[in-house]
């Protein structure tokens, strides 16, 4: 009975590692999707109003940096847990 419990504990640890891998993949996927949406929206906005390109580009870069910051924090937390 004890051996069976030890086997289950080892499998749980392996599934935990797999869960971290899946979580990292989802975080990267979400960040890429979000930054892609921001970039696409910025390009469309600049095409509509070329005179506002400086403001739009600045806002796009700030938004992308915030998404990257959240992504890095999520990755660090996943590695620590």
PDB file of N, CA and C in Angstrom:
ATOM      1  N   UNK A   1       0.818  -1.187   0.000  1.00  0.00           N
ATOM      2  CA  UNK A   1       0.000   0.000   0.000  1.00  0.00           C
ATOM      3  C   UNK A   1       0.869   1.262   0.000  1.00  0.00           C
ATOM      4  N   UNK A   2       1.948   1.226   0.782  1.00  0.00           N
ATOM      5  CA  UNK A   2       2.851   2.372   0.855  1.00  0.00           C
ATOM      6  C   UNK A   2       3.525   2.617  -0.491  1.00  0.00           C
ATOM      7  N   UNK A   3       3.883   1.535  -1.186  1.00  0.00           N
ATOM      8  CA  UNK A   3       4.529   1.677  -2.495  1.00  0.00           C
ATOM      9  C   UNK A   3       3.589   2.337  -3.494  1.00  0.00           C
ATOM     10  N   UNK A   4       2.320   1.970  -3.415  1.00  0.00           N
ATOM     11  CA  UNK A   4       1.331   2.566  -4.308  1.00  0.00           C
ATOM     12  C   UNK A   4       1.199   4.070  -4.044  1.00  0.00           C
ATOM     13  N   UNK A   5       1.208   4.463  -2.782  1.00  0.00           N
ATOM     14  CA  UNK A   5       1.122   5.882  -2.424  1.00  0.00           C
ATOM     15  C   UNK A   5       2.347   6.641  -2.922  1.00  0.00           C
ATOM     16  N   UNK A   6       3.512   6.036  -2.825  1.00  0.00           N
ATOM     17  CA  UNK A   6       4.736   6.678  -3.318  1.00  0.00           C
ATOM     18  C   UNK A   6       4.686   6.835  -4.833  1.00  0.00           C
ATOM     19  N   UNK A   7       4.162   5.826  -5.524  1.00  0.00           N
ATOM     20  CA  UNK A   7       4.042   5.899  -6.975  1.00  0.00           C
ATOM     21  C   UNK A   7       3.095   7.039  -7.366  1.00  0.00           C
ATOM     22  N   UNK A   8       1.987   7.163  -6.656  1.00  0.00           N
ATOM     23  CA  UNK A   8       1.047   8.245  -6.945  1.00  0.00           C
ATOM     24  C   UNK A   8       1.673   9.612  -6.679  1.00  0.00           C
ATOM     25  N   UNK A   9       2.480   9.722  -5.647  1.00  0.00           N
ATOM     26  CA  UNK A   9       3.148  10.988  -5.333  1.00  0.00           C
ATOM     27  C   UNK A   9       4.129  11.368  -6.435  1.00  0.00           C
ATOM     28  N   UNK A  10       4.858  10.391  -6.969  1.00  0.00           N
ATOM     29  CA  UNK A  10       5.796  10.673  -8.056  1.00  0.00           C
ATOM     30  C   UNK A  10       5.047  11.107  -9.308  1.00  0.00           C
ATOM     31  N   UNK A  11       3.939  10.438  -9.608  1.00  0.00           N
ATOM     32  CA  UNK A  11       3.158  10.817 -10.782  1.00  0.00           C
ATOM     33  C   UNK A  11       2.582  12.218 -10.622  1.00  0.00           C
ATOM     34  N   UNK A  12       2.164  12.563  -9.417  1.00  0.00           N
ATOM     35  CA  UNK A  12       1.623  13.901  -9.179  1.00  0.00           C
ATOM     36  C   UNK A  12       2.689  14.961  -9.424  1.00  0.00           C
ATOM     37  N   UNK A  13       3.917  14.695  -9.022  1.00  0.00           N
ATOM     38  CA  UNK A  13       5.005  15.644  -9.256  1.00  0.00           C
ATOM     39  C   UNK A  13       5.264  15.801 -10.750  1.00  0.00           C
ATOM     40  N   UNK A  14       5.193  14.696 -11.491  1.00  0.00           N
ATOM     41  CA  UNK A  14       5.406  14.772 -12.935  1.00  0.00           C
ATOM     42  C   UNK A  14       4.276  15.541 -13.611  1.00  0.00           C
ATOM     43  N   UNK A  15       3.043  15.327 -13.157  1.00  0.00           N
ATOM     44  CA  UNK A  15       1.929  16.078 -13.721  1.00  0.00           C
ATOM     45  C   UNK A  15       2.043  17.558 -13.379  1.00  0.00           C
ATOM     46  N   UNK A  16       2.594  17.871 -12.233  1.00  0.00           N
ATOM     47  CA  UNK A  16       2.816  19.268 -11.871  1.00  0.00           C
ATOM     48  C   UNK A  16       3.782  19.940 -12.825  1.00  0.00           C
ATOM     49  N   UNK A  17       4.842  19.232 -13.192  1.00  0.00           N
ATOM     50  CA  UNK A  17       5.802  19.782 -14.157  1.00  0.00           C
ATOM     51  C   UNK A  17       5.144  19.972 -15.515  1.00  0.00           C
ATOM     52  N   UNK A  18       4.293  19.030 -15.895  1.00  0.00           N
ATOM     53  CA  UNK A  18       3.589  19.156 -17.163  1.00  0.00           C
ATOM     54  C   UNK A  18       2.634  20.354 -17.118  1.00  0.00           C
ATOM     55  N   UNK A  19       2.003  20.569 -15.970  1.00  0.00           N
ATOM     56  CA  UNK A  19       1.110  21.710 -15.818  1.00  0.00           C
ATOM     57  C   UNK A  19       1.843  23.034 -15.942  1.00  0.00           C
ATOM     58  N   UNK A  20       3.052  23.095 -15.410  1.00  0.00           N
ATOM     59  CA  UNK A  20       3.857  24.313 -15.550  1.00  0.00           C
ATOM     60  C   UNK A  20       4.173  24.559 -17.021  1.00  0.00           C
ATOM     61  N   UNK A  21       4.510  23.508 -17.746  1.00  0.00           N
ATOM     62  CA  UNK A  21       4.798  23.656 -19.174  1.00  0.00           C
ATOM     63  C   UNK A  21       3.588  24.147 -19.954  1.00  0.00           C
ATOM     64  N   UNK A  22       2.430  23.599 -19.647  1.00  0.00           N
ATOM     65  CA  UNK A  22       1.205  24.041 -20.316  1.00  0.00           C
ATOM     66  C   UNK A  22       0.903  25.493 -19.946  1.00  0.00           C
ATOM     67  N   UNK A  23       1.095  25.837 -18.681  1.00  0.00           N
ATOM     68  CA  UNK A  23       0.852  27.211 -18.243  1.00  0.00           C
ATOM     69  C   UNK A  23       1.767  28.208 -18.930  1.00  0.00           C
ATOM     70  N   UNK A  24       3.035  27.852 -19.063  1.00  0.00           N
ATOM     71  CA  UNK A  24       3.980  28.735 -19.748  1.00  0.00           C
ATOM     72  C   UNK A  24       3.561  28.928 -21.201  1.00  0.00           C
ATOM     73  N   UNK A  25       3.167  27.846 -21.838  1.00  0.00           N
ATOM     74  CA  UNK A  25       2.710  27.949 -23.223  1.00  0.00           C
ATOM     75  C   UNK A  25       1.502  28.859 -23.364  1.00  0.00           C
ATOM     76  N   UNK A  26       0.551  28.749 -22.440  1.00  0.00           N
ATOM     77  CA  UNK A  26      -0.638  29.597 -22.495  1.00  0.00           C
ATOM     78  C   UNK A  26      -0.300  31.064 -22.246  1.00  0.00           C
ATOM     79  N   UNK A  27       0.628  31.318 -21.336  1.00  0.00           N
ATOM     80  CA  UNK A  27       1.035  32.703 -21.068  1.00  0.00           C
ATOM     81  C   UNK A  27       1.684  33.314 -22.306  1.00  0.00           C
ATOM     82  N   UNK A  28       2.582  32.584 -22.927  1.00  0.00           N
ATOM     83  CA  UNK A  28       3.256  33.091 -24.125  1.00  0.00           C
ATOM     84  C   UNK A  28       2.265  33.282 -25.266  1.00  0.00           C
ATOM     85  N   UNK A  29       1.350  32.336 -25.416  1.00  0.00           N
ATOM     86  CA  UNK A  29       0.332  32.439 -26.459  1.00  0.00           C
ATOM     87  C   UNK A  29      -0.542  33.674 -26.241  1.00  0.00           C
ATOM     88  N   UNK A  30      -0.978  33.888 -25.015  1.00  0.00           N
ATOM     89  CA  UNK A  30      -1.813  35.052 -24.717  1.00  0.00           C
ATOM     90  C   UNK A  30      -1.083  36.363 -24.923  1.00  0.00           C
ATOM     91  N   UNK A  31       0.171  36.411 -24.523  1.00  0.00           N
ATOM     92  CA  UNK A  31       0.949  37.641 -24.706  1.00  0.00           C
ATOM     93  C   UNK A  31       1.163  37.929 -26.188  1.00  0.00           C
ATOM     94  N   UNK A  32       1.488  36.904 -26.944  1.00  0.00           N
ATOM     95  CA  UNK A  32       1.674  37.095 -28.383  1.00  0.00           C
ATOM     96  C   UNK A  32       0.403  37.560 -29.068  1.00  0.00           C
ATOM     97  N   UNK A  33      -0.716  36.968 -28.666  1.00  0.00           N
ATOM     98  CA  UNK A  33      -1.998  37.355 -29.243  1.00  0.00           C
ATOM     99  C   UNK A  33      -2.326  38.805 -28.885  1.00  0.00           C
ATOM    100  N   UNK A  34      -2.108  39.177 -27.636  1.00  0.00           N
ATOM    101  CA  UNK A  34      -2.402  40.538 -27.202  1.00  0.00           C
ATOM    102  C   UNK A  34      -1.542  41.580 -27.893  1.00  0.00           C
ATOM    103  N   UNK A  35      -0.262  41.309 -28.000  1.00  0.00           N
ATOM    104  CA  UNK A  35       0.635  42.259 -28.660  1.00  0.00           C
ATOM    105  C   UNK A  35       0.326  42.332 -30.151  1.00  0.00           C
ATOM    106  N   UNK A  36      -0.047  41.209 -30.744  1.00  0.00           N
ATOM    107  CA  UNK A  36      -0.451  41.220 -32.155  1.00  0.00           C
ATOM    108  C   UNK A  36      -1.684  42.070 -32.387  1.00  0.00           C
ATOM    109  N   UNK A  37      -2.644  41.958 -31.479  1.00  0.00           N
ATOM    110  CA  UNK A  37      -3.861  42.773 -31.588  1.00  0.00           C
ATOM    111  C   UNK A  37      -3.533  44.262 -31.433  1.00  0.00           C
ATOM    112  N   UNK A  38      -2.653  44.572 -30.509  1.00  0.00           N
ATOM    113  CA  UNK A  38      -2.258  45.971 -30.309  1.00  0.00           C
ATOM    114  C   UNK A  38      -1.566  46.510 -31.558  1.00  0.00           C
ATOM    115  N   UNK A  39      -0.639  45.728 -32.099  1.00  0.00           N
ATOM    116  CA  UNK A  39       0.076  46.163 -33.302  1.00  0.00           C
ATOM    117  C   UNK A  39      -0.849  46.346 -34.488  1.00  0.00           C
ATOM    118  N   UNK A  40      -1.765  45.396 -34.675  1.00  0.00           N
ATOM    119  CA  UNK A  40      -2.715  45.502 -35.784  1.00  0.00           C
ATOM    120  C   UNK A  40      -3.615  46.718 -35.643  1.00  0.00           C
ATOM    121  N   UNK A  41      -4.095  46.951 -34.428  1.00  0.00           N
ATOM    122  CA  UNK A  41      -4.938  48.123 -34.195  1.00  0.00           C
ATOM    123  C   UNK A  41      -4.182  49.423 -34.410  1.00  0.00           C
ATOM    124  N   UNK A  42      -2.924  49.437 -34.010  1.00  0.00           N
ATOM    125  CA  UNK A  42      -2.116  50.648 -34.194  1.00  0.00           C
ATOM    126  C   UNK A  42      -1.871  50.925 -35.675  1.00  0.00           C
ATOM    127  N   UNK A  43      -1.602  49.889 -36.436  1.00  0.00           N
ATOM    128  CA  UNK A  43      -1.377  50.075 -37.876  1.00  0.00           C
ATOM    129  C   UNK A  43      -2.647  50.596 -38.547  1.00  0.00           C
ATOM    130  N   UNK A  44      -3.801  50.042 -38.169  1.00  0.00           N
ATOM    131  CA  UNK A  44      -5.064  50.522 -38.735  1.00  0.00           C
ATOM    132  C   UNK A  44      -5.321  51.979 -38.347  1.00  0.00           C
ATOM    133  N   UNK A  45      -5.036  52.320 -37.094  1.00  0.00           N
ATOM    134  CA  UNK A  45      -5.262  53.691 -36.637  1.00  0.00           C
ATOM    135  C   UNK A  45      -4.330  54.671 -37.346  1.00  0.00           C
ATOM    136  N   UNK A  46      -3.092  54.280 -37.545  1.00  0.00           N
ATOM    137  CA  UNK A  46      -2.141  55.155 -38.245  1.00  0.00           C
ATOM    138  C   UNK A  46      -2.540  55.303 -39.706  1.00  0.00           C
ATOM    139  N   UNK A  47      -3.085  54.238 -40.305  1.00  0.00           N
ATOM    140  CA  UNK A  47      -3.534  54.331 -41.695  1.00  0.00           C
ATOM    141  C   UNK A  47      -4.711  55.300 -41.816  1.00  0.00           C
ATOM    142  N   UNK A  48      -5.575  55.348 -40.804  1.00  0.00           N
ATOM    143  CA  UNK A  48      -6.719  56.265 -40.825  1.00  0.00           C
ATOM    144  C   UNK A  48      -6.306  57.700 -40.530  1.00  0.00           C
ATOM    145  N   UNK A  49      -5.401  57.874 -39.564  1.00  0.00           N
ATOM    146  CA  UNK A  49      -4.974  59.219 -39.162  1.00  0.00           C
ATOM    147  C   UNK A  49      -3.448  59.276 -39.094  1.00  0.00           C
ATOM    148  N   UNK A  50      -2.807  59.482 -40.228  1.00  0.00           N
ATOM    149  CA  UNK A  50      -1.338  59.506 -40.236  1.00  0.00           C
ATOM    150  C   UNK A  50      -0.740  60.621 -39.381  1.00  0.00           C
ATOM    151  N   UNK A  51      -1.477  61.711 -39.180  1.00  0.00           N
ATOM    152  CA  UNK A  51      -0.933  62.823 -38.395  1.00  0.00           C
ATOM    153  C   UNK A  51      -0.830  62.486 -36.908  1.00  0.00           C
ATOM    154  N   UNK A  52      -1.527  61.456 -36.455  1.00  0.00           N
ATOM    155  CA  UNK A  52      -1.485  61.064 -35.041  1.00  0.00           C
ATOM    156  C   UNK A  52      -0.577  59.859 -34.812  1.00  0.00           C
ATOM    157  N   UNK A  53       0.317  59.609 -35.745  1.00  0.00           N
ATOM    158  CA  UNK A  53       1.137  58.389 -35.653  1.00  0.00           C
ATOM    159  C   UNK A  53       2.056  58.388 -34.433  1.00  0.00           C
ATOM    160  N   UNK A  54       2.560  59.540 -34.039  1.00  0.00           N
ATOM    161  CA  UNK A  54       3.445  59.594 -32.872  1.00  0.00           C
ATOM    162  C   UNK A  54       2.734  59.194 -31.592  1.00  0.00           C
ATOM    163  N   UNK A  55       1.547  59.730 -31.389  1.00  0.00           N
ATOM    164  CA  UNK A  55       0.762  59.407 -30.194  1.00  0.00           C
ATOM    165  C   UNK A  55       0.343  57.945 -30.198  1.00  0.00           C
ATOM    166  N   UNK A  56      -0.100  57.473 -31.347  1.00  0.00           N
ATOM    167  CA  UNK A  56      -0.559  56.081 -31.452  1.00  0.00           C
ATOM    168  C   UNK A  56       0.599  55.122 -31.196  1.00  0.00           C
ATOM    169  N   UNK A  57       1.753  55.422 -31.766  1.00  0.00           N
ATOM    170  CA  UNK A  57       2.919  54.548 -31.565  1.00  0.00           C
ATOM    171  C   UNK A  57       3.342  54.512 -30.101  1.00  0.00           C
ATOM    172  N   UNK A  58       3.305  55.672 -29.449  1.00  0.00           N
ATOM    173  CA  UNK A  58       3.675  55.724 -28.028  1.00  0.00           C
ATOM    174  C   UNK A  58       2.722  54.889 -27.184  1.00  0.00           C
ATOM    175  N   UNK A  59       1.428  55.041 -27.422  1.00  0.00           N
ATOM    176  CA  UNK A  59       0.446  54.269 -26.667  1.00  0.00           C
ATOM    177  C   UNK A  59       0.580  52.777 -26.945  1.00  0.00           C
ATOM    178  N   UNK A  60       0.898  52.425 -28.192  1.00  0.00           N
ATOM    179  CA  UNK A  60       1.078  51.024 -28.548  1.00  0.00           C
ATOM    180  C   UNK A  60       2.271  50.433 -27.798  1.00  0.00           C
ATOM    181  N   UNK A  61       3.371  51.159 -27.746  1.00  0.00           N
ATOM    182  CA  UNK A  61       4.562  50.657 -27.065  1.00  0.00           C
ATOM    183  C   UNK A  61       4.346  50.527 -25.560  1.00  0.00           C
ATOM    184  N   UNK A  62       3.633  51.474 -24.967  1.00  0.00           N
ATOM    185  CA  UNK A  62       3.343  51.388 -23.531  1.00  0.00           C
ATOM    186  C   UNK A  62       2.464  50.174 -23.243  1.00  0.00           C
ATOM    187  N   UNK A  63       1.444  49.973 -24.062  1.00  0.00           N
ATOM    188  CA  UNK A  63       0.557  48.816 -23.866  1.00  0.00           C
ATOM    189  C   UNK A  63       1.310  47.506 -24.040  1.00  0.00           C
ATOM    190  N   UNK A  64       2.161  47.428 -25.053  1.00  0.00           N
ATOM    191  CA  UNK A  64       2.940  46.206 -25.277  1.00  0.00           C
ATOM    192  C   UNK A  64       3.899  45.954 -24.116  1.00  0.00           C
ATOM    193  N   UNK A  65       4.486  47.009 -23.577  1.00  0.00           N
ATOM    194  CA  UNK A  65       5.397  46.841 -22.440  1.00  0.00           C
ATOM    195  C   UNK A  65       4.653  46.344 -21.208  1.00  0.00           C
ATOM    196  N   UNK A  66       3.437  46.837 -20.985  1.00  0.00           N
ATOM    197  CA  UNK A  66       2.645  46.363 -19.854  1.00  0.00           C
ATOM    198  C   UNK A  66       2.291  44.885 -20.008  1.00  0.00           C
ATOM    199  N   UNK A  67       1.951  44.474 -21.219  1.00  0.00           N
ATOM    200  CA  UNK A  67       1.644  43.056 -21.454  1.00  0.00           C
ATOM    201  C   UNK A  67       2.889  42.210 -21.222  1.00  0.00           C
ATOM    202  N   UNK A  68       4.025  42.672 -21.695  1.00  0.00           N
ATOM    203  CA  UNK A  68       5.267  41.925 -21.484  1.00  0.00           C
ATOM    204  C   UNK A  68       5.607  41.833 -20.001  1.00  0.00           C
ATOM    205  N   UNK A  69       5.358  42.908 -19.261  1.00  0.00           N
ATOM    206  CA  UNK A  69       5.623  42.886 -17.822  1.00  0.00           C
ATOM    207  C   UNK A  69       4.783  41.847 -17.110  1.00  0.00           C
ATOM    208  N   UNK A  70       3.507  41.797 -17.430  1.00  0.00           N
ATOM    209  CA  UNK A  70       2.624  40.797 -16.827  1.00  0.00           C
ATOM    210  C   UNK A  70       3.065  39.395 -17.230  1.00  0.00           C
ATOM    211  N   UNK A  71       3.502  39.233 -18.464  1.00  0.00           N
ATOM    212  CA  UNK A  71       3.967  37.928 -18.941  1.00  0.00           C
ATOM    213  C   UNK A  71       5.199  37.476 -18.170  1.00  0.00           C
ATOM    214  N   UNK A  72       6.143  38.370 -17.973  1.00  0.00           N
ATOM    215  CA  UNK A  72       7.362  38.016 -17.242  1.00  0.00           C
ATOM    216  C   UNK A  72       7.034  37.653 -15.794  1.00  0.00           C
ATOM    217  N   UNK A  73       6.148  38.415 -15.168  1.00  0.00           N
ATOM    218  CA  UNK A  73       5.756  38.104 -13.788  1.00  0.00           C
ATOM    219  C   UNK A  73       5.087  36.737 -13.716  1.00  0.00           C
ATOM    220  N   UNK A  74       4.209  36.441 -14.669  1.00  0.00           N
ATOM    221  CA  UNK A  74       3.538  35.138 -14.682  1.00  0.00           C
ATOM    222  C   UNK A  74       4.538  34.006 -14.869  1.00  0.00           C
ATOM    223  N   UNK A  75       5.514  34.190 -15.745  1.00  0.00           N
ATOM    224  CA  UNK A  75       6.520  33.146 -15.963  1.00  0.00           C
ATOM    225  C   UNK A  75       7.368  32.930 -14.714  1.00  0.00           C
ATOM    226  N   UNK A  76       7.737  34.007 -14.045  1.00  0.00           N
ATOM    227  CA  UNK A  76       8.530  33.877 -12.813  1.00  0.00           C
ATOM    228  C   UNK A  76       7.733  33.138 -11.744  1.00  0.00           C
ATOM    229  N   UNK A  77       6.466  33.494 -11.595  1.00  0.00           N
ATOM    230  CA  UNK A  77       5.636  32.808 -10.603  1.00  0.00           C
ATOM    231  C   UNK A  77       5.476  31.325 -10.924  1.00  0.00           C
ATOM    232  N   UNK A  78       5.356  30.992 -12.206  1.00  0.00           N
ATOM    233  CA  UNK A  78       5.228  29.575 -12.574  1.00  0.00           C
ATOM    234  C   UNK A  78       6.493  28.801 -12.254  1.00  0.00           C
ATOM    235  N   UNK A  79       7.642  29.414 -12.486  1.00  0.00           N
ATOM    236  CA  UNK A  79       8.891  28.716 -12.162  1.00  0.00           C
ATOM    237  C   UNK A  79       9.063  28.545 -10.657  1.00  0.00           C
ATOM    238  N   UNK A  80       8.600  29.526  -9.881  1.00  0.00           N
ATOM    239  CA  UNK A  80       8.743  29.438  -8.430  1.00  0.00           C
ATOM    240  C   UNK A  80       7.781  28.432  -7.812  1.00  0.00           C
ATOM    241  N   UNK A  81       6.607  28.272  -8.411  1.00  0.00           N
ATOM    242  CA  UNK A  81       5.638  27.328  -7.859  1.00  0.00           C
ATOM    243  C   UNK A  81       5.927  25.983  -8.449  1.00  0.00           C
TER     244      UNK A  81
END
